[in-house]
Amino acid sequence: MKSGSYQVGRATVVVPREAIVQAEVDDLRHALEQAATPGSGWVVLDLSEVPFIDSAGLELLCEVQQLCIDSRGRLKLAVASDICSEILRLTDLAGRFEAYGSVEEAARSVN
């Protein structure tokens, strides 16, 4: 999976650039696990370039949220497309994550 990451304050922003689907989950898992290091598990997942999330992707988000909590942080979602937001809502997962309209808002919520 094509992705990048960068720091904004205490948060690591991870930016996947494709759909989060079964075939791409392992690569994204690796990037997110590196971002959620012990003691600084604040991760912002920038979904601005993600057109779709399948069930494997949703499972990954739940796993990473728990990893972040165990690392004394949280996974925050930013700039989810209408489709991704609807998928989270329909699967009753929307309330499990903090969602923000921009990466900057999500990062500010950490600091």
N, C-alpha and C. Protein backbone atom coordinates (compact mmCIF):
# COMPACT_ATOMS: atom_id res chain seq x y z
N MET A 1 0.84 -1.18 0.00
CA MET A 1 0.00 0.00 0.00
C MET A 1 0.88 1.23 0.00
N LYS A 2 0.50 2.19 -0.79
CA LYS A 2 1.19 3.47 -0.79
C LYS A 2 0.71 4.26 0.43
N SER A 3 1.66 4.70 1.23
CA SER A 3 1.30 5.52 2.39
C SER A 3 2.52 6.33 2.79
N GLY A 4 2.27 7.32 3.61
CA GLY A 4 3.34 8.15 4.15
C GLY A 4 3.00 8.49 5.58
N SER A 5 3.94 9.09 6.27
CA SER A 5 3.67 9.52 7.64
C SER A 5 4.54 10.73 7.96
N TYR A 6 4.07 11.51 8.92
CA TYR A 6 4.80 12.68 9.40
C TYR A 6 4.31 13.04 10.78
N GLN A 7 5.07 13.86 11.48
CA GLN A 7 4.74 14.27 12.84
C GLN A 7 4.05 15.63 12.84
N VAL A 8 3.04 15.76 13.70
CA VAL A 8 2.41 17.04 14.01
C VAL A 8 2.30 17.07 15.53
N GLY A 9 3.17 17.80 16.17
CA GLY A 9 3.20 17.80 17.62
C GLY A 9 3.50 16.41 18.14
N ARG A 10 2.68 15.92 19.06
CA ARG A 10 2.87 14.57 19.63
C ARG A 10 2.26 13.48 18.78
N ALA A 11 1.51 13.82 17.76
CA ALA A 11 0.81 12.83 16.95
C ALA A 11 1.62 12.46 15.70
N THR A 12 1.55 11.19 15.36
CA THR A 12 2.07 10.73 14.08
C THR A 12 0.89 10.62 13.13
N VAL A 13 0.99 11.29 12.00
CA VAL A 13 -0.07 11.26 10.99
C VAL A 13 0.32 10.21 9.95
N VAL A 14 -0.56 9.27 9.73
CA VAL A 14 -0.35 8.23 8.71
C VAL A 14 -1.35 8.49 7.60
N VAL A 15 -0.84 8.51 6.36
CA VAL A 15 -1.65 8.88 5.20
C VAL A 15 -1.66 7.73 4.19
N PRO A 16 -2.66 6.84 4.25
CA PRO A 16 -2.78 5.83 3.20
C PRO A 16 -3.31 6.48 1.93
N ARG A 17 -2.87 5.98 0.79
CA ARG A 17 -3.25 6.61 -0.48
C ARG A 17 -4.03 5.67 -1.39
N GLU A 18 -4.70 4.69 -0.78
CA GLU A 18 -5.50 3.72 -1.53
C GLU A 18 -6.63 3.24 -0.63
N ALA A 19 -7.50 2.43 -1.18
CA ALA A 19 -8.55 1.81 -0.38
C ALA A 19 -7.90 0.92 0.68
N ILE A 20 -8.53 0.86 1.84
CA ILE A 20 -8.04 0.00 2.91
C ILE A 20 -8.82 -1.31 2.81
N VAL A 21 -8.20 -2.26 2.11
CA VAL A 21 -8.86 -3.53 1.80
C VAL A 21 -7.92 -4.68 2.15
N GLN A 22 -8.47 -5.89 2.16
CA GLN A 22 -7.74 -7.09 2.57
C GLN A 22 -6.33 -7.16 1.98
N ALA A 23 -6.19 -6.91 0.70
CA ALA A 23 -4.89 -7.05 0.04
C ALA A 23 -3.86 -6.03 0.53
N GLU A 24 -4.30 -4.94 1.13
CA GLU A 24 -3.39 -3.87 1.55
C GLU A 24 -3.22 -3.75 3.06
N VAL A 25 -3.96 -4.54 3.82
CA VAL A 25 -4.00 -4.37 5.27
C VAL A 25 -2.64 -4.57 5.94
N ASP A 26 -1.87 -5.55 5.51
CA ASP A 26 -0.61 -5.83 6.18
C ASP A 26 0.36 -4.66 6.10
N ASP A 27 0.46 -4.03 4.94
CA ASP A 27 1.36 -2.88 4.79
C ASP A 27 0.92 -1.72 5.67
N LEU A 28 -0.38 -1.45 5.70
CA LEU A 28 -0.87 -0.36 6.54
C LEU A 28 -0.72 -0.70 8.01
N ARG A 29 -0.94 -1.95 8.38
CA ARG A 29 -0.76 -2.39 9.77
C ARG A 29 0.66 -2.07 10.22
N HIS A 30 1.62 -2.38 9.40
CA HIS A 30 3.03 -2.13 9.74
C HIS A 30 3.26 -0.63 9.99
N ALA A 31 2.76 0.22 9.11
CA ALA A 31 2.93 1.67 9.27
C ALA A 31 2.26 2.17 10.55
N LEU A 32 1.06 1.67 10.83
CA LEU A 32 0.33 2.11 12.02
C LEU A 32 0.97 1.59 13.30
N GLU A 33 1.47 0.36 13.27
CA GLU A 33 2.14 -0.18 14.46
C GLU A 33 3.41 0.61 14.77
N GLN A 34 4.13 1.03 13.75
CA GLN A 34 5.33 1.84 13.97
C GLN A 34 4.95 3.20 14.55
N ALA A 35 3.83 3.74 14.15
CA ALA A 35 3.38 5.05 14.64
C ALA A 35 2.91 4.97 16.09
N ALA A 36 2.34 3.85 16.49
CA ALA A 36 1.79 3.70 17.84
C ALA A 36 2.82 3.10 18.78
N THR A 37 3.93 3.78 18.93
CA THR A 37 4.99 3.28 19.80
C THR A 37 4.61 3.45 21.26
N PRO A 38 5.09 2.57 22.12
CA PRO A 38 4.78 2.68 23.55
C PRO A 38 5.14 4.06 24.11
N GLY A 39 4.21 4.63 24.85
CA GLY A 39 4.43 5.94 25.45
C GLY A 39 4.02 7.10 24.56
N SER A 40 3.85 6.85 23.28
CA SER A 40 3.42 7.94 22.38
C SER A 40 2.49 7.38 21.31
N GLY A 41 1.42 6.76 21.75
CA GLY A 41 0.51 6.09 20.84
C GLY A 41 -0.55 6.98 20.23
N TRP A 42 -0.24 8.25 20.02
CA TRP A 42 -1.21 9.17 19.41
C TRP A 42 -1.03 9.13 17.90
N VAL A 43 -2.04 8.59 17.22
CA VAL A 43 -1.96 8.42 15.77
C VAL A 43 -3.18 9.06 15.13
N VAL A 44 -2.92 9.86 14.10
CA VAL A 44 -3.99 10.43 13.29
C VAL A 44 -3.94 9.72 11.94
N LEU A 45 -5.05 9.10 11.57
CA LEU A 45 -5.14 8.43 10.27
C LEU A 45 -5.87 9.36 9.32
N ASP A 46 -5.13 9.90 8.37
CA ASP A 46 -5.68 10.83 7.38
C ASP A 46 -6.33 10.01 6.27
N LEU A 47 -7.65 10.04 6.24
CA LEU A 47 -8.41 9.24 5.27
C LEU A 47 -8.79 10.02 4.01
N SER A 48 -8.17 11.16 3.79
CA SER A 48 -8.56 12.01 2.67
C SER A 48 -8.37 11.35 1.31
N GLU A 49 -7.46 10.38 1.20
CA GLU A 49 -7.23 9.71 -0.09
C GLU A 49 -7.74 8.27 -0.10
N VAL A 50 -8.56 7.92 0.89
CA VAL A 50 -9.07 6.55 1.00
C VAL A 50 -10.52 6.52 0.49
N PRO A 51 -10.75 5.86 -0.65
CA PRO A 51 -12.10 5.84 -1.21
C PRO A 51 -13.02 4.80 -0.59
N PHE A 52 -12.45 3.79 0.09
CA PHE A 52 -13.26 2.68 0.58
C PHE A 52 -12.51 1.94 1.68
N ILE A 53 -13.26 1.36 2.62
CA ILE A 53 -12.70 0.50 3.67
C ILE A 53 -13.54 -0.77 3.70
N ASP A 54 -12.89 -1.94 3.56
CA ASP A 54 -13.65 -3.19 3.64
C ASP A 54 -13.59 -3.75 5.05
N SER A 55 -14.14 -4.94 5.27
CA SER A 55 -14.21 -5.50 6.61
C SER A 55 -12.83 -5.75 7.21
N ALA A 56 -11.86 -6.14 6.39
CA ALA A 56 -10.49 -6.34 6.89
C ALA A 56 -9.90 -5.00 7.34
N GLY A 57 -10.21 -3.94 6.61
CA GLY A 57 -9.74 -2.61 6.99
C GLY A 57 -10.37 -2.14 8.28
N LEU A 58 -11.66 -2.41 8.46
CA LEU A 58 -12.36 -2.04 9.70
C LEU A 58 -11.77 -2.80 10.89
N GLU A 59 -11.49 -4.07 10.68
CA GLU A 59 -10.87 -4.86 11.74
C GLU A 59 -9.50 -4.29 12.11
N LEU A 60 -8.74 -3.88 11.10
CA LEU A 60 -7.45 -3.26 11.35
C LEU A 60 -7.59 -1.99 12.19
N LEU A 61 -8.56 -1.14 11.85
CA LEU A 61 -8.76 0.09 12.62
C LEU A 61 -9.06 -0.22 14.08
N CYS A 62 -9.87 -1.23 14.34
CA CYS A 62 -10.20 -1.62 15.72
C CYS A 62 -8.96 -2.14 16.45
N GLU A 63 -8.15 -2.95 15.76
CA GLU A 63 -6.92 -3.48 16.36
C GLU A 63 -5.95 -2.34 16.70
N VAL A 64 -5.80 -1.42 15.77
CA VAL A 64 -4.86 -0.32 15.99
C VAL A 64 -5.36 0.62 17.08
N GLN A 65 -6.68 0.83 17.16
CA GLN A 65 -7.22 1.64 18.25
C GLN A 65 -6.81 1.03 19.59
N GLN A 66 -6.93 -0.29 19.74
CA GLN A 66 -6.55 -0.93 20.99
C GLN A 66 -5.05 -0.84 21.23
N LEU A 67 -4.26 -0.99 20.18
CA LEU A 67 -2.81 -0.84 20.29
C LEU A 67 -2.46 0.56 20.78
N CYS A 68 -3.12 1.57 20.24
CA CYS A 68 -2.88 2.95 20.66
C CYS A 68 -3.26 3.15 22.13
N ILE A 69 -4.38 2.61 22.53
CA ILE A 69 -4.81 2.72 23.93
C ILE A 69 -3.78 2.05 24.84
N ASP A 70 -3.31 0.88 24.44
CA ASP A 70 -2.29 0.18 25.23
C ASP A 70 -0.99 0.97 25.30
N SER A 71 -0.75 1.84 24.31
CA SER A 71 0.45 2.68 24.27
C SER A 71 0.19 4.07 24.85
N ARG A 72 -0.92 4.19 25.59
CA ARG A 72 -1.32 5.44 26.25
C ARG A 72 -1.65 6.55 25.26
N GLY A 73 -2.31 6.19 24.18
CA GLY A 73 -2.71 7.17 23.17
C GLY A 73 -4.07 6.82 22.62
N ARG A 74 -4.33 7.27 21.42
CA ARG A 74 -5.59 7.01 20.73
C ARG A 74 -5.36 7.09 19.22
N LEU A 75 -6.22 6.41 18.49
CA LEU A 75 -6.28 6.54 17.05
C LEU A 75 -7.38 7.54 16.74
N LYS A 76 -7.05 8.57 15.99
CA LYS A 76 -8.02 9.59 15.59
C LYS A 76 -8.11 9.58 14.08
N LEU A 77 -9.33 9.67 13.57
CA LEU A 77 -9.55 9.67 12.13
C LEU A 77 -9.76 11.09 11.64
N ALA A 78 -9.20 11.40 10.48
CA ALA A 78 -9.34 12.74 9.92
C ALA A 78 -9.76 12.66 8.46
N VAL A 79 -10.61 13.57 8.05
CA VAL A 79 -11.00 13.80 6.67
C VAL A 79 -11.54 12.54 5.99
N ALA A 80 -12.43 11.84 6.66
CA ALA A 80 -13.03 10.65 6.06
C ALA A 80 -13.99 11.07 4.94
N SER A 81 -13.93 10.36 3.84
CA SER A 81 -14.86 10.62 2.74
C SER A 81 -16.27 10.28 3.19
N ASP A 82 -17.25 10.71 2.42
CA ASP A 82 -18.63 10.39 2.74
C ASP A 82 -18.85 8.87 2.77
N ILE A 83 -18.22 8.17 1.84
CA ILE A 83 -18.38 6.72 1.77
C ILE A 83 -17.76 6.05 3.00
N CYS A 84 -16.54 6.46 3.37
CA CYS A 84 -15.90 5.87 4.55
C CYS A 84 -16.67 6.20 5.81
N SER A 85 -17.16 7.41 5.93
CA SER A 85 -17.97 7.79 7.09
C SER A 85 -19.24 6.96 7.16
N GLU A 86 -19.86 6.72 6.02
CA GLU A 86 -21.09 5.92 5.98
C GLU A 86 -20.79 4.46 6.35
N ILE A 87 -19.68 3.93 5.89
CA ILE A 87 -19.29 2.56 6.24
C ILE A 87 -19.12 2.45 7.75
N LEU A 88 -18.44 3.40 8.36
CA LEU A 88 -18.26 3.38 9.81
C LEU A 88 -19.60 3.48 10.53
N ARG A 89 -20.48 4.31 10.02
CA ARG A 89 -21.80 4.48 10.65
C ARG A 89 -22.63 3.20 10.52
N LEU A 90 -22.68 2.63 9.33
CA LEU A 90 -23.50 1.44 9.09
C LEU A 90 -23.01 0.21 9.87
N THR A 91 -21.73 0.17 10.18
CA THR A 91 -21.17 -0.96 10.93
C THR A 91 -21.14 -0.68 12.43
N ASP A 92 -21.73 0.43 12.85
CA ASP A 92 -21.76 0.84 14.26
C ASP A 92 -20.37 1.06 14.84
N LEU A 93 -19.41 1.41 14.00
CA LEU A 93 -18.06 1.69 14.48
C LEU A 93 -17.76 3.18 14.58
N ALA A 94 -18.63 4.01 14.06
CA ALA A 94 -18.36 5.45 14.05
C ALA A 94 -18.13 5.98 15.45
N GLY A 95 -18.88 5.51 16.43
CA GLY A 95 -18.73 5.99 17.80
C GLY A 95 -17.48 5.50 18.50
N ARG A 96 -16.83 4.53 17.93
CA ARG A 96 -15.62 3.98 18.55
C ARG A 96 -14.39 4.87 18.32
N PHE A 97 -14.46 5.70 17.28
CA PHE A 97 -13.31 6.53 16.90
C PHE A 97 -13.66 8.01 17.01
N GLU A 98 -12.67 8.80 17.34
CA GLU A 98 -12.81 10.25 17.29
C GLU A 98 -12.53 10.66 15.85
N ALA A 99 -13.46 11.38 15.24
CA ALA A 99 -13.31 11.79 13.85
C ALA A 99 -13.27 13.30 13.76
N TYR A 100 -12.43 13.83 12.88
CA TYR A 100 -12.22 15.26 12.72
C TYR A 100 -12.27 15.63 11.25
N GLY A 101 -12.61 16.87 10.98
CA GLY A 101 -12.71 17.37 9.61
C GLY A 101 -11.38 17.68 8.97
N SER A 102 -10.31 17.75 9.78
CA SER A 102 -8.99 18.02 9.22
C SER A 102 -7.92 17.35 10.08
N VAL A 103 -6.78 17.13 9.49
CA VAL A 103 -5.64 16.58 10.22
C VAL A 103 -5.23 17.55 11.34
N GLU A 104 -5.27 18.83 11.04
CA GLU A 104 -4.86 19.82 12.03
C GLU A 104 -5.75 19.77 13.27
N GLU A 105 -7.07 19.65 13.08
CA GLU A 105 -7.99 19.54 14.22
C GLU A 105 -7.69 18.28 15.03
N ALA A 106 -7.47 17.17 14.36
CA ALA A 106 -7.18 15.92 15.05
C ALA A 106 -5.88 16.04 15.84
N ALA A 107 -4.85 16.61 15.23
CA ALA A 107 -3.56 16.75 15.91
C ALA A 107 -3.67 17.70 17.10
N ARG A 108 -4.44 18.78 16.94
CA ARG A 108 -4.62 19.73 18.06
C ARG A 108 -5.31 19.06 19.24
N SER A 109 -6.16 18.10 18.98
CA SER A 109 -6.87 17.43 20.07
C SER A 109 -5.92 16.58 20.93
N VAL A 110 -4.76 16.28 20.39
CA VAL A 110 -3.74 15.50 21.10
C VAL A 110 -2.92 16.39 22.01
N ASN A 111 -2.56 17.56 21.53
CA ASN A 111 -1.61 18.43 22.24
C ASN A 111 -2.26 19.30 23.27
